[in-house]
C-alpha atoms as a PDB file:
ATOM      1  CA  MET A   1     114.975 129.428  68.896  1.00  0.00           C
ATOM      2  CA  ARG A   2     116.835 127.093  71.516  1.00  0.00           C
ATOM      3  CA  VAL A   3     114.492 124.548  72.781  1.00  0.00           C
ATOM      4  CA  VAL A   4     114.735 122.002  75.580  1.00  0.00           C
ATOM      5  CA  ALA A   5     112.262 119.197  75.125  1.00  0.00           C
ATOM      6  CA  LYS A   6     111.649 116.606  77.876  1.00  0.00           C
ATOM      7  CA  ILE A   7     109.595 113.465  77.461  1.00  0.00           C
ATOM      8  CA  GLY A   8     108.605 111.283  80.395  1.00  0.00           C
ATOM      9  CA  THR A   9     108.635 107.520  80.935  1.00  0.00           C
ATOM     10  CA  SER A  10     104.792 107.271  80.725  1.00  0.00           C
ATOM     11  CA  SER A  11     104.977 108.876  77.220  1.00  0.00           C
ATOM     12  CA  VAL A  12     107.632 106.520  75.848  1.00  0.00           C
ATOM     13  CA  THR A  13     106.187 103.502  77.393  1.00  0.00           C
ATOM     14  CA  ALA A  14     103.674 101.208  75.587  1.00  0.00           C
ATOM     15  CA  ALA A  15     100.668  99.357  77.284  1.00  0.00           C
ATOM     16  CA  ALA A  16     102.676  96.203  78.011  1.00  0.00           C
ATOM     17  CA  GLY A  17     105.497  98.127  79.661  1.00  0.00           C
ATOM     18  CA  GLU A  18     107.861  98.072  76.532  1.00  0.00           C
ATOM     19  CA  ILE A  19     109.485 101.089  74.976  1.00  0.00           C
ATOM     20  CA  ASN A  20     107.021 102.729  72.620  1.00  0.00           C
ATOM     21  CA  THR A  21     109.071 103.060  69.339  1.00  0.00           C
ATOM     22  CA  LEU A  22     105.956 104.812  67.618  1.00  0.00           C
ATOM     23  CA  ALA A  23     105.955 107.594  70.435  1.00  0.00           C
ATOM     24  CA  ILE A  24     109.799 107.998  69.998  1.00  0.00           C
ATOM     25  CA  ASP A  25     109.389 108.078  66.192  1.00  0.00           C
ATOM     26  CA  LYS A  26     106.695 110.903  66.418  1.00  0.00           C
ATOM     27  CA  LEU A  27     108.957 112.866  68.723  1.00  0.00           C
ATOM     28  CA  CYS A  28     111.873 112.393  66.440  1.00  0.00           C
ATOM     29  CA  ASN A  29     109.954 113.601  63.394  1.00  0.00           C
ATOM     30  CA  GLU A  30     108.915 116.739  65.217  1.00  0.00           C
ATOM     31  CA  ILE A  31     112.541 117.508  66.358  1.00  0.00           C
ATOM     32  CA  VAL A  32     113.522 117.070  62.657  1.00  0.00           C
ATOM     33  CA  SER A  33     110.860 119.618  61.786  1.00  0.00           C
ATOM     34  CA  ALA A  34     111.811 121.995  64.483  1.00  0.00           C
ATOM     35  CA  ARG A  35     115.440 121.878  63.220  1.00  0.00           C
ATOM     36  CA  ARG A  36     114.321 122.447  59.543  1.00  0.00           C
ATOM     37  CA  ALA A  37     112.559 125.499  60.798  1.00  0.00           C
ATOM     38  CA  GLY A  38     115.879 126.944  62.099  1.00  0.00           C
ATOM     39  CA  ASN A  39     115.557 125.972  65.865  1.00  0.00           C
ATOM     40  CA  GLU A  40     117.960 124.107  68.107  1.00  0.00           C
ATOM     41  CA  VAL A  41     116.700 121.291  70.021  1.00  0.00           C
ATOM     42  CA  VAL A  42     118.054 119.480  73.096  1.00  0.00           C
ATOM     43  CA  LEU A  43     116.142 116.429  74.188  1.00  0.00           C
ATOM     44  CA  VAL A  44     115.850 115.230  77.731  1.00  0.00           C
ATOM     45  CA  SER A  45     114.427 111.565  77.794  1.00  0.00           C
ATOM     46  CA  SER A  46     113.292 109.365  80.608  1.00  0.00           C
ATOM     47  CA  GLY A  47     112.673 105.652  80.016  1.00  0.00           C
ATOM     48  CA  ALA A  48     116.032 103.976  80.732  1.00  0.00           C
ATOM     49  CA  VAL A  49     114.581 101.889  83.607  1.00  0.00           C
ATOM     50  CA  THR A  50     111.611 100.762  81.449  1.00  0.00           C
ATOM     51  CA  ALA A  51     113.953  99.768  78.615  1.00  0.00           C
ATOM     52  CA  GLY A  52     116.184  97.932  81.023  1.00  0.00           C
ATOM     53  CA  LEU A  53     113.329  95.887  82.472  1.00  0.00           C
ATOM     54  CA  GLN A  54     112.229  95.082  78.843  1.00  0.00           C
ATOM     55  CA  VAL A  55     115.726  93.789  77.982  1.00  0.00           C
ATOM     56  CA  LEU A  56     116.308  91.792  81.182  1.00  0.00           C
ATOM     57  CA  GLY A  57     112.726  90.400  81.372  1.00  0.00           C
ATOM     58  CA  LEU A  58     112.175  91.627  84.858  1.00  0.00           C
ATOM     59  CA  GLN A  59     109.379  93.140  86.817  1.00  0.00           C
ATOM     60  CA  ARG A  60     110.146  96.699  88.333  1.00  0.00           C
ATOM     61  CA  PRO A  61     112.180  95.957  91.427  1.00  0.00           C
ATOM     62  CA  ALA A  62     111.628  98.014  94.838  1.00  0.00           C
ATOM     63  CA  ASP A  63     115.329  98.577  95.849  1.00  0.00           C
ATOM     64  CA  VAL A  64     117.391 101.474  94.517  1.00  0.00           C
ATOM     65  CA  ARG A  65     120.539  99.504  93.713  1.00  0.00           C
ATOM     66  CA  THR A  66     118.829  97.184  91.319  1.00  0.00           C
ATOM     67  CA  LEU A  67     116.913 100.010  89.732  1.00  0.00           C
ATOM     68  CA  GLN A  68     120.261 101.681  89.108  1.00  0.00           C
ATOM     69  CA  ALA A  69     121.626  98.427  87.535  1.00  0.00           C
ATOM     70  CA  VAL A  70     118.629  98.136  85.317  1.00  0.00           C
ATOM     71  CA  SER A  71     118.887 101.747  84.294  1.00  0.00           C
ATOM     72  CA  ALA A  72     122.555 100.973  83.018  1.00  0.00           C
ATOM     73  CA  VAL A  73     121.237  98.404  80.716  1.00  0.00           C
ATOM     74  CA  GLY A  74     118.235 100.250  79.625  1.00  0.00           C
ATOM     75  CA  GLN A  75     120.142 103.488  78.818  1.00  0.00           C
ATOM     76  CA  ILE A  76     122.062 101.661  75.931  1.00  0.00           C
ATOM     77  CA  GLU A  77     118.695 100.278  74.603  1.00  0.00           C
ATOM     78  CA  LEU A  78     117.019 103.679  74.820  1.00  0.00           C
ATOM     79  CA  MET A  79     119.798 105.456  73.025  1.00  0.00           C
ATOM     80  CA  ARG A  80     119.816 102.678  70.337  1.00  0.00           C
ATOM     81  CA  VAL A  81     116.277 103.451  69.625  1.00  0.00           C
ATOM     82  CA  TYR A  82     116.867 107.092  69.281  1.00  0.00           C
ATOM     83  CA  ARG A  83     120.160 106.704  67.279  1.00  0.00           C
ATOM     84  CA  GLU A  84     118.234 104.453  64.636  1.00  0.00           C
ATOM     85  CA  ILE A  85     115.187 106.574  64.298  1.00  0.00           C
ATOM     86  CA  LEU A  86     117.078 109.984  64.090  1.00  0.00           C
ATOM     87  CA  GLY A  87     119.528 108.212  61.714  1.00  0.00           C
ATOM     88  CA  ARG A  88     116.761 107.625  59.331  1.00  0.00           C
ATOM     89  CA  HIS A  89     116.646 111.459  58.966  1.00  0.00           C
ATOM     90  CA  GLY A  90     120.316 111.815  58.634  1.00  0.00           C
ATOM     91  CA  LEU A  91     120.790 113.134  62.029  1.00  0.00           C
ATOM     92  CA  VAL A  92     123.248 112.040  64.778  1.00  0.00           C
ATOM     93  CA  ALA A  93     122.326 111.531  68.464  1.00  0.00           C
ATOM     94  CA  GLY A  94     124.714 112.302  71.190  1.00  0.00           C
ATOM     95  CA  GLN A  95     124.287 111.157  74.782  1.00  0.00           C
ATOM     96  CA  ALA A  96     124.943 113.251  77.829  1.00  0.00           C
ATOM     97  CA  LEU A  97     124.323 111.828  81.305  1.00  0.00           C
ATOM     98  CA  LEU A  98     124.028 114.457  84.038  1.00  0.00           C
ATOM     99  CA  THR A  99     123.711 114.489  87.970  1.00  0.00           C
ATOM    100  CA  PRO A 100     122.537 117.254  90.176  1.00  0.00           C
ATOM    101  CA  LEU A 101     126.201 117.866  91.150  1.00  0.00           C
ATOM    102  CA  ASP A 102     126.937 118.983  87.505  1.00  0.00           C
ATOM    103  CA  PHE A 103     124.680 121.991  88.154  1.00  0.00           C
ATOM    104  CA  MET A 104     126.205 122.769  91.594  1.00  0.00           C
ATOM    105  CA  VAL A 105     129.913 122.690  90.980  1.00  0.00           C
ATOM    106  CA  ARG A 106     130.926 125.490  88.651  1.00  0.00           C
ATOM    107  CA  GLN A 107     133.688 123.609  86.978  1.00  0.00           C
ATOM    108  CA  GLN A 108     131.380 120.697  86.061  1.00  0.00           C
ATOM    109  CA  TYR A 109     128.689 123.360  85.168  1.00  0.00           C
ATOM    110  CA  ILE A 110     131.011 124.796  82.588  1.00  0.00           C
ATOM    111  CA  HIS A 111     132.133 121.605  81.103  1.00  0.00           C
ATOM    112  CA  ALA A 112     128.591 120.365  80.777  1.00  0.00           C
ATOM    113  CA  ARG A 113     127.575 123.570  79.057  1.00  0.00           C
ATOM    114  CA  GLY A 114     130.559 123.477  76.754  1.00  0.00           C
ATOM    115  CA  THR A 115     129.809 119.888  75.772  1.00  0.00           C
ATOM    116  CA  ILE A 116     126.180 120.504  74.938  1.00  0.00           C
ATOM    117  CA  GLU A 117     127.150 123.740  73.069  1.00  0.00           C
ATOM    118  CA  ARG A 118     129.596 121.897  70.993  1.00  0.00           C
ATOM    119  CA  LEU A 119     127.138 119.129  70.102  1.00  0.00           C
ATOM    120  CA  LEU A 120     124.630 121.867  68.909  1.00  0.00           C
ATOM    121  CA  GLU A 121     127.444 123.363  66.810  1.00  0.00           C
ATOM    122  CA  MET A 122     128.221 119.990  65.192  1.00  0.00           C
ATOM    123  CA  GLY A 123     124.658 119.412  64.159  1.00  0.00           C
ATOM    124  CA  VAL A 124     124.093 116.584  66.689  1.00  0.00           C
ATOM    125  CA  VAL A 125     120.786 116.120  68.609  1.00  0.00           C
ATOM    126  CA  PRO A 126     121.949 116.092  72.355  1.00  0.00           C
ATOM    127  CA  ILE A 127     119.894 113.506  74.324  1.00  0.00           C
ATOM    128  CA  ILE A 128     120.166 113.999  78.061  1.00  0.00           C
ATOM    129  CA  ASN A 129     119.063 111.703  80.961  1.00  0.00           C
ATOM    130  CA  GLU A 130     119.888 111.754  84.670  1.00  0.00           C
ATOM    131  CA  ASN A 131     122.882 109.481  85.420  1.00  0.00           C
ATOM    132  CA  ASP A 132     120.606 107.073  87.108  1.00  0.00           C
ATOM    133  CA  ALA A 133     123.306 104.353  87.463  1.00  0.00           C
ATOM    134  CA  ILE A 134     125.338 106.465  89.953  1.00  0.00           C
ATOM    135  CA  ALA A 135     122.825 109.196  91.228  1.00  0.00           C
ATOM    136  CA  ASP A 136     120.917 107.352  93.753  1.00  0.00           C
ATOM    137  CA  ASP A 137     118.590 110.469  94.511  1.00  0.00           C
ATOM    138  CA  ALA A 138     117.375 110.495  90.989  1.00  0.00           C
ATOM    139  CA  LEU A 139     115.220 107.387  90.976  1.00  0.00           C
ATOM    140  CA  ARG A 140     113.894 108.103  94.443  1.00  0.00           C
ATOM    141  CA  TYR A 141     113.413 111.827  93.791  1.00  0.00           C
ATOM    142  CA  GLY A 142     112.262 111.927  90.201  1.00  0.00           C
ATOM    143  CA  ASP A 143     114.654 114.581  88.901  1.00  0.00           C
ATOM    144  CA  ASN A 144     114.383 114.382  85.191  1.00  0.00           C
ATOM    145  CA  ASP A 145     111.739 117.370  84.878  1.00  0.00           C
ATOM    146  CA  ARG A 146     114.092 119.344  87.112  1.00  0.00           C
ATOM    147  CA  ILE A 147     117.137 118.277  85.117  1.00  0.00           C
ATOM    148  CA  ALA A 148     115.414 119.543  81.998  1.00  0.00           C
ATOM    149  CA  ALA A 149     114.694 122.963  83.734  1.00  0.00           C
ATOM    150  CA  LEU A 150     118.431 123.192  84.738  1.00  0.00           C
ATOM    151  CA  VAL A 151     119.456 122.262  81.321  1.00  0.00           C
ATOM    152  CA  ALA A 152     117.326 125.083  79.952  1.00  0.00           C
ATOM    153  CA  ASN A 153     119.100 127.331  82.305  1.00  0.00           C
ATOM    154  CA  LEU A 154     122.492 125.794  81.561  1.00  0.00           C
ATOM    155  CA  ILE A 155     122.253 126.487  77.763  1.00  0.00           C
ATOM    156  CA  ASP A 156     120.293 129.778  77.936  1.00  0.00           C
ATOM    157  CA  ALA A 157     117.196 128.129  76.105  1.00  0.00           C
ATOM    158  CA  ASP A 158     114.277 130.260  75.044  1.00  0.00           C
ATOM    159  CA  LEU A 159     111.626 127.462  75.617  1.00  0.00           C
ATOM    160  CA  LEU A 160     111.248 124.278  77.901  1.00  0.00           C
ATOM    161  CA  VAL A 161     108.517 121.737  76.598  1.00  0.00           C
ATOM    162  CA  LEU A 162     107.571 119.222  79.204  1.00  0.00           C
ATOM    163  CA  LEU A 163     105.720 116.414  77.253  1.00  0.00           C
ATOM    164  CA  THR A 164     103.510 114.243  79.241  1.00  0.00           C
ATOM    165  CA  ASP A 165     100.443 111.997  79.014  1.00  0.00           C
ATOM    166  CA  ALA A 166      98.121 114.936  79.925  1.00  0.00           C
ATOM    167  CA  PRO A 167      97.079 117.922  77.776  1.00  0.00           C
ATOM    168  CA  GLY A 168      98.442 120.255  80.496  1.00  0.00           C
ATOM    169  CA  LEU A 169      97.515 121.376  83.977  1.00  0.00           C
ATOM    170  CA  LEU A 170      93.648 121.024  84.279  1.00  0.00           C
ATOM    171  CA  THR A 171      91.328 122.819  86.698  1.00  0.00           C
ATOM    172  CA  ALA A 172      90.228 119.451  88.159  1.00  0.00           C
ATOM    173  CA  ASP A 173      91.106 115.879  87.850  1.00  0.00           C
ATOM    174  CA  PRO A 174      89.214 114.601  84.738  1.00  0.00           C
ATOM    175  CA  ARG A 175      88.828 111.165  86.375  1.00  0.00           C
ATOM    176  CA  VAL A 176      86.405 112.620  88.915  1.00  0.00           C
ATOM    177  CA  SER A 177      85.103 115.744  87.238  1.00  0.00           C
ATOM    178  CA  THR A 178      83.482 116.118  83.973  1.00  0.00           C
ATOM    179  CA  GLU A 179      84.167 119.878  84.120  1.00  0.00           C
ATOM    180  CA  ALA A 180      87.886 119.821  84.153  1.00  0.00           C
ATOM    181  CA  SER A 181      89.326 122.281  81.654  1.00  0.00           C
ATOM    182  CA  LEU A 182      92.770 123.176  80.502  1.00  0.00           C
ATOM    183  CA  ILE A 183      94.536 126.108  82.206  1.00  0.00           C
ATOM    184  CA  GLU A 184      96.111 127.569  79.162  1.00  0.00           C
ATOM    185  CA  GLU A 185      98.549 130.182  80.807  1.00  0.00           C
ATOM    186  CA  ILE A 186     100.002 130.749  84.199  1.00  0.00           C
ATOM    187  CA  SER A 187     101.835 133.983  84.993  1.00  0.00           C
ATOM    188  CA  GLU A 188     102.972 132.802  88.613  1.00  0.00           C
ATOM    189  CA  ILE A 189     102.853 129.439  90.189  1.00  0.00           C
ATOM    190  CA  ASP A 190     101.468 129.666  93.649  1.00  0.00           C
ATOM    191  CA  ARG A 191     100.565 127.053  96.380  1.00  0.00           C
ATOM    192  CA  GLU A 192      97.045 126.759  95.029  1.00  0.00           C
ATOM    193  CA  LEU A 193      98.263 125.700  91.684  1.00  0.00           C
ATOM    194  CA  GLU A 194     100.892 123.420  93.235  1.00  0.00           C
ATOM    195  CA  ALA A 195      98.113 121.782  95.237  1.00  0.00           C
ATOM    196  CA  LEU A 196      95.935 121.391  92.039  1.00  0.00           C
ATOM    197  CA  ALA A 197      98.756 119.443  90.313  1.00  0.00           C
ATOM    198  CA  GLY A 198      98.841 116.852  93.087  1.00  0.00           C
ATOM    199  CA  GLY A 199     101.391 114.245  93.685  1.00  0.00           C
ATOM    200  CA  ALA A 200     103.545 111.990  91.408  1.00  0.00           C
ATOM    201  CA  GLY A 201     101.929 110.147  88.633  1.00  0.00           C
ATOM    202  CA  ASP A 202     101.370 106.427  88.202  1.00  0.00           C
ATOM    203  CA  ASN A 203     104.041 105.806  85.634  1.00  0.00           C
ATOM    204  CA  GLY A 204     107.681 106.912  86.022  1.00  0.00           C
ATOM    205  CA  SER A 205     108.790 109.087  88.870  1.00  0.00           C
ATOM    206  CA  GLY A 206     107.261 112.398  88.005  1.00  0.00           C
ATOM    207  CA  GLY A 207     103.728 113.554  87.451  1.00  0.00           C
ATOM    208  CA  MET A 208     102.084 116.887  87.043  1.00  0.00           C
ATOM    209  CA  SER A 209     103.400 118.188  90.266  1.00  0.00           C
ATOM    210  CA  SER A 210     107.042 117.542  89.092  1.00  0.00           C
ATOM    211  CA  LYS A 211     106.227 119.202  85.748  1.00  0.00           C
ATOM    212  CA  LEU A 212     104.935 122.233  87.504  1.00  0.00           C
ATOM    213  CA  ALA A 213     107.941 122.346  89.761  1.00  0.00           C
ATOM    214  CA  ALA A 214     110.318 122.322  86.603  1.00  0.00           C
ATOM    215  CA  ALA A 215     108.192 125.002  84.911  1.00  0.00           C
ATOM    216  CA  LYS A 216     108.624 127.209  88.076  1.00  0.00           C
ATOM    217  CA  MET A 217     112.264 126.533  87.816  1.00  0.00           C
ATOM    218  CA  ALA A 218     112.430 127.489  84.229  1.00  0.00           C
ATOM    219  CA  SER A 219     110.269 130.669  84.842  1.00  0.00           C
ATOM    220  CA  TRP A 220     112.877 131.805  87.377  1.00  0.00           C
ATOM    221  CA  SER A 221     115.486 131.107  84.558  1.00  0.00           C
ATOM    222  CA  GLY A 222     113.713 133.565  82.280  1.00  0.00           C
ATOM    223  CA  VAL A 223     112.616 130.588  80.114  1.00  0.00           C
ATOM    224  CA  ARG A 224     108.941 130.080  78.838  1.00  0.00           C
ATOM    225  CA  SER A 225     107.604 126.684  79.566  1.00  0.00           C
ATOM    226  CA  VAL A 226     104.842 124.492  77.913  1.00  0.00           C
ATOM    227  CA  ILE A 227     103.420 121.600  79.608  1.00  0.00           C
ATOM    228  CA  ALA A 228     101.598 119.480  76.919  1.00  0.00           C
ATOM    229  CA  ALA A 229     100.514 116.145  75.554  1.00  0.00           C
ATOM    230  CA  ALA A 230     103.217 114.075  73.928  1.00  0.00           C
ATOM    231  CA  SER A 231     100.524 112.513  71.783  1.00  0.00           C
ATOM    232  CA  ARG A 232      99.389 115.769  70.370  1.00  0.00           C
ATOM    233  CA  PRO A 233     100.125 116.106  66.608  1.00  0.00           C
ATOM    234  CA  GLY A 234     102.902 118.829  65.988  1.00  0.00           C
ATOM    235  CA  VAL A 235     103.130 119.634  69.681  1.00  0.00           C
ATOM    236  CA  VAL A 236     106.786 120.672  69.619  1.00  0.00           C
ATOM    237  CA  GLY A 237     106.151 123.017  66.695  1.00  0.00           C
ATOM    238  CA  ASP A 238     102.960 124.509  68.317  1.00  0.00           C
ATOM    239  CA  ALA A 239     104.856 125.052  71.590  1.00  0.00           C
ATOM    240  CA  ILE A 240     107.576 126.903  69.578  1.00  0.00           C
ATOM    241  CA  ASP A 241     105.051 128.955  67.774  1.00  0.00           C
ATOM    242  CA  ALA A 242     103.066 129.563  71.038  1.00  0.00           C
ATOM    243  CA  ARG A 243     100.034 128.363  69.482  1.00  0.00           C
ATOM    244  CA  GLN A 244      96.890 128.680  71.472  1.00  0.00           C
ATOM    245  CA  GLY A 245      95.595 125.580  73.151  1.00  0.00           C
ATOM    246  CA  VAL A 246      98.865 123.553  72.833  1.00  0.00           C
ATOM    247  CA  GLY A 247      98.972 123.037  76.599  1.00  0.00           C
ATOM    248  CA  THR A 248      99.724 125.057  79.738  1.00  0.00           C
ATOM    249  CA  THR A 249     102.180 127.910  79.192  1.00  0.00           C
ATOM    250  CA  VAL A 250     104.030 129.140  82.169  1.00  0.00           C
ATOM    251  CA  VAL A 251     105.280 132.637  81.598  1.00  0.00           C
ATOM    252  CA  ALA A 252     108.944 133.502  82.128  1.00  0.00           C
ATOM    253  CA  HIS A 253     109.739 135.474  85.272  1.00  0.00           C
ATOM    254  CA  ASP A 254     111.396 138.931  84.801  1.00  0.00           C
ATOM    255  CA  ARG A 255     114.070 137.793  87.338  1.00  0.00           C
ATOM    256  CA  ARG A 256     116.728 135.281  86.361  1.00  0.00           C
ATOM    257  CA  LEU A 257     118.439 133.027  88.976  1.00  0.00           C
ATOM    258  CA  ALA A 258     121.853 131.347  88.464  1.00  0.00           C
ATOM    259  CA  ALA A 259     121.986 127.602  88.199  1.00  0.00           C
ATOM    260  CA  ARG A 260     123.105 126.988  91.828  1.00  0.00           C
ATOM    261  CA  LYS A 261     120.498 129.239  93.418  1.00  0.00           C
ATOM    262  CA  LEU A 262     117.859 127.780  91.115  1.00  0.00           C
ATOM    263  CA  TRP A 263     118.862 124.345  92.501  1.00  0.00           C
ATOM    264  CA  ILE A 264     118.573 125.668  96.107  1.00  0.00           C
ATOM    265  CA  ALA A 265     115.329 127.263  95.558  1.00  0.00           C
ATOM    266  CA  PHE A 266     113.341 124.613  93.796  1.00  0.00           C
ATOM    267  CA  ALA A 267     115.228 121.376  93.599  1.00  0.00           C
ATOM    268  CA  VAL A 268     116.564 120.751  97.067  1.00  0.00           C
ATOM    269  CA  HIS A 269     114.082 119.297  99.457  1.00  0.00           C
ATOM    270  CA  PRO A 270     113.902 121.507 102.677  1.00  0.00           C
ATOM    271  CA  GLU A 271     114.692 119.699 105.908  1.00  0.00           C
ATOM    272  CA  GLY A 272     113.474 122.425 108.212  1.00  0.00           C
ATOM    273  CA  ALA A 273     112.324 126.035 108.551  1.00  0.00           C
ATOM    274  CA  ILE A 274     113.739 129.244 110.233  1.00  0.00           C
ATOM    275  CA  VAL A 275     111.159 131.896 111.311  1.00  0.00           C
ATOM    276  CA  VAL A 276     112.631 135.425 111.227  1.00  0.00           C
ATOM    277  CA  ASP A 277     111.467 138.818 112.553  1.00  0.00           C
ATOM    278  CA  THR A 278     110.282 141.678 110.357  1.00  0.00           C
ATOM    279  CA  GLY A 279     113.622 143.466 110.398  1.00  0.00           C
ATOM    280  CA  ALA A 280     115.538 140.357 109.107  1.00  0.00           C
ATOM    281  CA  ARG A 281     112.811 139.849 106.453  1.00  0.00           C
ATOM    282  CA  ASN A 282     113.125 143.339 105.273  1.00  0.00           C
ATOM    283  CA  ALA A 283     116.871 143.167 105.174  1.00  0.00           C
ATOM    284  CA  LEU A 284     117.019 139.878 103.246  1.00  0.00           C
ATOM    285  CA  VAL A 285     114.251 141.102 100.658  1.00  0.00           C
ATOM    286  CA  SER A 286     115.481 144.743 100.167  1.00  0.00           C
ATOM    287  CA  ARG A 287     119.149 144.526 100.793  1.00  0.00           C
ATOM    288  CA  GLN A 288     119.978 141.010  99.941  1.00  0.00           C
ATOM    289  CA  THR A 289     121.966 140.418 103.150  1.00  0.00           C
ATOM    290  CA  SER A 290     122.879 137.243 104.969  1.00  0.00           C
ATOM    291  CA  LEU A 291     120.621 135.969 107.541  1.00  0.00           C
ATOM    292  CA  LEU A 292     122.147 136.640 111.098  1.00  0.00           C
ATOM    293  CA  PRO A 293     121.169 134.917 114.332  1.00  0.00           C
ATOM    294  CA  ALA A 294     119.846 138.201 115.699  1.00  0.00           C
ATOM    295  CA  GLY A 295     116.898 138.102 113.384  1.00  0.00           C
ATOM    296  CA  VAL A 296     115.977 134.487 114.132  1.00  0.00           C
ATOM    297  CA  ILE A 297     112.762 133.831 116.170  1.00  0.00           C
ATOM    298  CA  GLU A 298     112.380 130.069 115.844  1.00  0.00           C
ATOM    299  CA  ILE A 299     114.179 127.042 114.367  1.00  0.00           C
ATOM    300  CA  ARG A 300     111.862 124.312 113.183  1.00  0.00           C
ATOM    301  CA  GLY A 301     113.015 120.788 112.380  1.00  0.00           C
ATOM    302  CA  ASP A 302     116.086 118.743 113.107  1.00  0.00           C
ATOM    303  CA  PHE A 303     118.827 119.169 110.510  1.00  0.00           C
ATOM    304  CA  GLY A 304     122.492 119.257 109.939  1.00  0.00           C
ATOM    305  CA  PRO A 305     124.904 121.892 108.554  1.00  0.00           C
ATOM    306  CA  ASP A 306     124.429 122.623 104.710  1.00  0.00           C
ATOM    307  CA  ALA A 307     120.884 121.446 104.925  1.00  0.00           C
ATOM    308  CA  ALA A 308     118.174 123.322 102.931  1.00  0.00           C
ATOM    309  CA  VAL A 309     115.591 125.240 104.876  1.00  0.00           C
ATOM    310  CA  GLU A 310     112.717 127.435 104.137  1.00  0.00           C
ATOM    311  CA  ILE A 311     112.788 130.929 105.630  1.00  0.00           C
ATOM    312  CA  LEU A 312     109.493 132.266 106.873  1.00  0.00           C
ATOM    313  CA  GLY A 313     108.442 135.693 108.009  1.00  0.00           C
ATOM    314  CA  PRO A 314     106.563 136.455 111.190  1.00  0.00           C
ATOM    315  CA  ASP A 315     103.304 135.642 109.448  1.00  0.00           C
ATOM    316  CA  GLY A 316     104.481 132.139 108.716  1.00  0.00           C
ATOM    317  CA  ALA A 317     104.679 132.699 104.923  1.00  0.00           C
ATOM    318  CA  MET A 318     107.841 131.285 103.146  1.00  0.00           C
ATOM    319  CA  PHE A 319     109.609 134.031 101.429  1.00  0.00           C
ATOM    320  CA  ALA A 320     113.075 132.659 100.824  1.00  0.00           C
ATOM    321  CA  LYS A 321     115.158 129.387 100.895  1.00  0.00           C
ATOM    322  CA  GLY A 322     118.715 128.723 101.827  1.00  0.00           C
ATOM    323  CA  LEU A 323     121.459 126.379 103.078  1.00  0.00           C
ATOM    324  CA  VAL A 324     122.239 126.738 106.749  1.00  0.00           C
ATOM    325  CA  ARG A 325     125.911 127.114 108.142  1.00  0.00           C
ATOM    326  CA  ALA A 326     125.235 125.041 111.293  1.00  0.00           C
ATOM    327  CA  ASP A 327     122.958 122.379 112.535  1.00  0.00           C
ATOM    328  CA  ALA A 328     119.443 123.012 114.244  1.00  0.00           C
ATOM    329  CA  GLN A 329     120.702 122.477 117.741  1.00  0.00           C
ATOM    330  CA  LEU A 330     123.454 125.127 117.505  1.00  0.00           C
ATOM    331  CA  LEU A 331     121.341 127.490 115.656  1.00  0.00           C
ATOM    332  CA  ARG A 332     118.641 127.336 118.317  1.00  0.00           C
ATOM    333  CA  SER A 333     121.292 127.919 121.046  1.00  0.00           C
ATOM    334  CA  VAL A 334     122.165 131.352 119.405  1.00  0.00           C
ATOM    335  CA  ALA A 335     118.848 132.460 117.938  1.00  0.00           C
ATOM    336  CA  GLY A 336     118.240 136.156 118.748  1.00  0.00           C
ATOM    337  CA  LEU A 337     121.839 136.926 119.709  1.00  0.00           C
ATOM    338  CA  HIS A 338     123.683 139.780 118.171  1.00  0.00           C
ATOM    339  CA  THR A 339     126.964 139.180 116.423  1.00  0.00           C
ATOM    340  CA  GLY A 340     129.011 140.727 119.419  1.00  0.00           C
ATOM    341  CA  ASP A 341     127.328 138.164 121.806  1.00  0.00           C
ATOM    342  CA  LEU A 342     128.116 134.973 119.806  1.00  0.00           C
ATOM    343  CA  PRO A 343     130.541 132.477 121.094  1.00  0.00           C
ATOM    344  CA  VAL A 344     134.128 132.788 119.834  1.00  0.00           C
ATOM    345  CA  GLY A 345     134.916 131.015 116.611  1.00  0.00           C
ATOM    346  CA  LEU A 346     131.205 130.464 115.636  1.00  0.00           C
ATOM    347  CA  VAL A 347     130.309 131.351 111.991  1.00  0.00           C
ATOM    348  CA  HIS A 348     128.338 134.644 112.173  1.00  0.00           C
ATOM    349  CA  GLU A 349     125.914 133.977 109.403  1.00  0.00           C
ATOM    350  CA  THR A 350     122.993 131.480 109.928  1.00  0.00           C
ATOM    351  CA  VAL A 351     122.452 131.411 106.163  1.00  0.00           C
ATOM    352  CA  HIS A 352     125.120 133.244 103.955  1.00  0.00           C
ATOM    353  CA  ARG A 353     123.703 135.311 101.129  1.00  0.00           C
ATOM    354  CA  ASP A 354     125.616 133.228  98.674  1.00  0.00           C
ATOM    355  CA  ASP A 355     123.493 130.197  99.760  1.00  0.00           C
ATOM    356  CA  LEU A 356     120.229 132.287 100.083  1.00  0.00           C
ATOM    357  CA  VAL A 357     117.405 132.772  97.494  1.00  0.00           C
ATOM    358  CA  VAL A 358     114.780 135.421  98.011  1.00  0.00           C
ATOM    359  CA  LEU A 359     111.480 134.407  96.466  1.00  0.00           C
ATOM    360  CA  ALA A 360     109.486 137.416  97.348  1.00  0.00           C
ATOM    361  CA  ASP A 361     109.652 140.930  95.451  1.00  0.00           C
ATOM    362  CA  ARG A 362     108.715 142.812  98.641  1.00  0.00           C
END
């Protein structure tokens, strides 16, 4: 089995804010066990900023530029810890730093996949992190969970394990409810579950909401996901074996999106919305056409060309997402017009089908 395991900052950070070498040692032991059982494991690890703060003796700064500089220092320290611990087991660690662009540009996507594949062939444990030092969106957006889901898509993984400081997704916040219980399996992630996951956590940039978003991405890649506690003994092996109670399992979807469409669907923040009529909705869902101005009822928000937008049906329910070909002002001016009535030289598609992802089955 090919496994992507992601561990968050809160799970590799000790009480005083320093890197928790015991937690990393536990994780490395489990990676070793998984490999001995015949599995391939790729690790996505957060913690560079925390490690950098420790090395520099700083408190966490507020500005992005300093955070990026700190991460550049911390990434070396983080990899030193992994290299030393894996080395005790006779394993070699290999670092790969990725950015969202690596999943959007086909040539970079192919290069990234080829590098990770070759590392696995060489028996190396690939350790991946967001390239925080140059990707300013990462530290503000909290992309490592999504990066892990995209890596799972990139290398055709069978399983994504999202390790955190919670046992999985619970029915309620255990800090306010004594009746909170683990949700062991999710077949489809809907808005109710997303609301239950809440916002970002206190440590790091993710949280349960980010984990659930990543699991949703993996699901649409045809990859099973498990959200589980990093502190659980044997958690990686239990997730591989699909042991009951290991955490929250998100079942793989029967449809598989390509990496670029996966990014459009789940990783790019929507800047607006387009409401379409019933005919346009049916054409997009059933025939996978482009969205034309004739089917547009309303443009919501103020956005530029190439922005991500949600596409809503007449009932207001979001059923698709895409990248627009023009800005909001221009799209408003042509909404409802048929192709023959459009101004000369104007791109005919509001959202081209290559930039559109339909998330409804009917």
